[in-house]
């Protein structure tokens, strides 16, 4: 079983590989502009491939708020 911290590290690494910038667990991703509409799609596809977890399009803004919120969503579905 993966811990919350391990999951957050995996998600952060995945996002960092897309945006080429270090991210922290509580850093706002969408609100800060770090992730835009194009990179949002890339992140969603990478999350789906890596974690076998789909985030509904209507909930992306909620769950992609930060690494921590995404980790909580994925953990609840694994």
C-alpha atoms as a PDB file:
ATOM      1  CA  UNK A   1       0.000   0.000   0.000  1.00  0.00           C
ATOM      2  CA  UNK A   2       1.319   3.400  -1.000  1.00  0.00           C
ATOM      3  CA  UNK A   3       1.427   6.102   1.672  1.00  0.00           C
ATOM      4  CA  UNK A   4       0.012   9.581   1.079  1.00  0.00           C
ATOM      5  CA  UNK A   5       3.542  11.031   1.012  1.00  0.00           C
ATOM      6  CA  UNK A   6       4.728   8.446  -1.539  1.00  0.00           C
ATOM      7  CA  UNK A   7       1.697   9.104  -3.703  1.00  0.00           C
ATOM      8  CA  UNK A   8       2.286  12.854  -3.509  1.00  0.00           C
ATOM      9  CA  UNK A   9       5.935  12.331  -4.516  1.00  0.00           C
ATOM     10  CA  UNK A  10       4.904  10.194  -7.499  1.00  0.00           C
ATOM     11  CA  UNK A  11       2.331  12.756  -8.646  1.00  0.00           C
ATOM     12  CA  UNK A  12       4.764  15.648  -8.162  1.00  0.00           C
ATOM     13  CA  UNK A  13       7.392  13.818 -10.242  1.00  0.00           C
ATOM     14  CA  UNK A  14       4.826  13.124 -12.960  1.00  0.00           C
ATOM     15  CA  UNK A  15       3.755  16.796 -13.086  1.00  0.00           C
ATOM     16  CA  UNK A  16       7.367  18.006 -12.954  1.00  0.00           C
ATOM     17  CA  UNK A  17       8.189  15.843 -15.987  1.00  0.00           C
ATOM     18  CA  UNK A  18       5.460  17.696 -17.903  1.00  0.00           C
ATOM     19  CA  UNK A  19       5.968  21.293 -16.739  1.00  0.00           C
ATOM     20  CA  UNK A  20       9.741  21.088 -16.093  1.00  0.00           C
ATOM     21  CA  UNK A  21       9.340  22.913 -12.794  1.00  0.00           C
ATOM     22  CA  UNK A  22       9.548  21.711  -9.182  1.00  0.00           C
ATOM     23  CA  UNK A  23       6.144  21.497  -7.471  1.00  0.00           C
ATOM     24  CA  UNK A  24       5.240  21.142  -3.810  1.00  0.00           C
ATOM     25  CA  UNK A  25       2.232  19.247  -2.400  1.00  0.00           C
ATOM     26  CA  UNK A  26       0.190  22.369  -1.576  1.00  0.00           C
ATOM     27  CA  UNK A  27       1.235  24.557  -4.511  1.00  0.00           C
ATOM     28  CA  UNK A  28      -1.781  25.755  -6.497  1.00  0.00           C
ATOM     29  CA  UNK A  29      -1.433  24.243  -9.960  1.00  0.00           C
ATOM     30  CA  UNK A  30      -4.263  25.753 -11.986  1.00  0.00           C
ATOM     31  CA  UNK A  31      -4.746  28.962 -10.019  1.00  0.00           C
ATOM     32  CA  UNK A  32      -1.044  29.843 -10.268  1.00  0.00           C
ATOM     33  CA  UNK A  33      -0.987  29.219 -14.016  1.00  0.00           C
ATOM     34  CA  UNK A  34       1.641  26.492 -13.635  1.00  0.00           C
ATOM     35  CA  UNK A  35      -0.709  24.164 -15.506  1.00  0.00           C
ATOM     36  CA  UNK A  36      -2.724  25.502 -18.433  1.00  0.00           C
ATOM     37  CA  UNK A  37      -5.386  23.836 -20.565  1.00  0.00           C
ATOM     38  CA  UNK A  38      -2.866  21.934 -22.686  1.00  0.00           C
ATOM     39  CA  UNK A  39      -0.773  20.670 -19.783  1.00  0.00           C
ATOM     40  CA  UNK A  40      -3.948  19.793 -17.886  1.00  0.00           C
ATOM     41  CA  UNK A  41      -4.761  17.277 -20.610  1.00  0.00           C
ATOM     42  CA  UNK A  42      -1.200  15.926 -20.489  1.00  0.00           C
ATOM     43  CA  UNK A  43      -1.375  15.541 -16.702  1.00  0.00           C
ATOM     44  CA  UNK A  44      -4.766  13.822 -16.868  1.00  0.00           C
ATOM     45  CA  UNK A  45      -3.513  11.351 -19.487  1.00  0.00           C
ATOM     46  CA  UNK A  46      -0.360  10.654 -17.473  1.00  0.00           C
ATOM     47  CA  UNK A  47      -2.372  10.116 -14.260  1.00  0.00           C
ATOM     48  CA  UNK A  48      -4.705   7.761 -16.089  1.00  0.00           C
ATOM     49  CA  UNK A  49      -1.804   5.770 -17.546  1.00  0.00           C
ATOM     50  CA  UNK A  50       0.239   5.646 -14.337  1.00  0.00           C
ATOM     51  CA  UNK A  51      -2.460   5.227 -11.691  1.00  0.00           C
ATOM     52  CA  UNK A  52      -5.296   3.730 -13.777  1.00  0.00           C
ATOM     53  CA  UNK A  53      -7.570   6.424 -12.387  1.00  0.00           C
ATOM     54  CA  UNK A  54      -9.718   8.734 -14.477  1.00  0.00           C
ATOM     55  CA  UNK A  55     -10.706  12.165 -13.251  1.00  0.00           C
ATOM     56  CA  UNK A  56     -14.031  13.230 -14.780  1.00  0.00           C
ATOM     57  CA  UNK A  57     -13.705  16.359 -16.939  1.00  0.00           C
ATOM     58  CA  UNK A  58     -16.272  18.144 -14.772  1.00  0.00           C
ATOM     59  CA  UNK A  59     -14.091  17.567 -11.671  1.00  0.00           C
ATOM     60  CA  UNK A  60     -10.634  18.413 -13.023  1.00  0.00           C
ATOM     61  CA  UNK A  61     -10.537  21.901 -11.459  1.00  0.00           C
ATOM     62  CA  UNK A  62     -11.358  20.404  -8.057  1.00  0.00           C
ATOM     63  CA  UNK A  63      -8.899  17.521  -8.044  1.00  0.00           C
ATOM     64  CA  UNK A  64      -6.079  19.246  -9.908  1.00  0.00           C
ATOM     65  CA  UNK A  65      -6.010  22.109  -7.427  1.00  0.00           C
ATOM     66  CA  UNK A  66      -2.724  20.777  -5.993  1.00  0.00           C
ATOM     67  CA  UNK A  67      -0.611  17.643  -5.791  1.00  0.00           C
ATOM     68  CA  UNK A  68      -2.172  16.935  -2.385  1.00  0.00           C
ATOM     69  CA  UNK A  69      -5.778  17.139  -3.653  1.00  0.00           C
ATOM     70  CA  UNK A  70      -4.924  14.895  -6.589  1.00  0.00           C
ATOM     71  CA  UNK A  71      -3.239  12.380  -4.272  1.00  0.00           C
ATOM     72  CA  UNK A  72      -6.314  12.284  -2.046  1.00  0.00           C
ATOM     73  CA  UNK A  73      -8.559  11.654  -5.065  1.00  0.00           C
ATOM     74  CA  UNK A  74      -6.348   8.863  -6.393  1.00  0.00           C
ATOM     75  CA  UNK A  75      -5.910   7.266  -2.953  1.00  0.00           C
ATOM     76  CA  UNK A  76      -9.687   7.146  -2.489  1.00  0.00           C
ATOM     77  CA  UNK A  77     -10.034   5.207  -5.749  1.00  0.00           C
ATOM     78  CA  UNK A  78      -7.245   2.653  -5.333  1.00  0.00           C
END
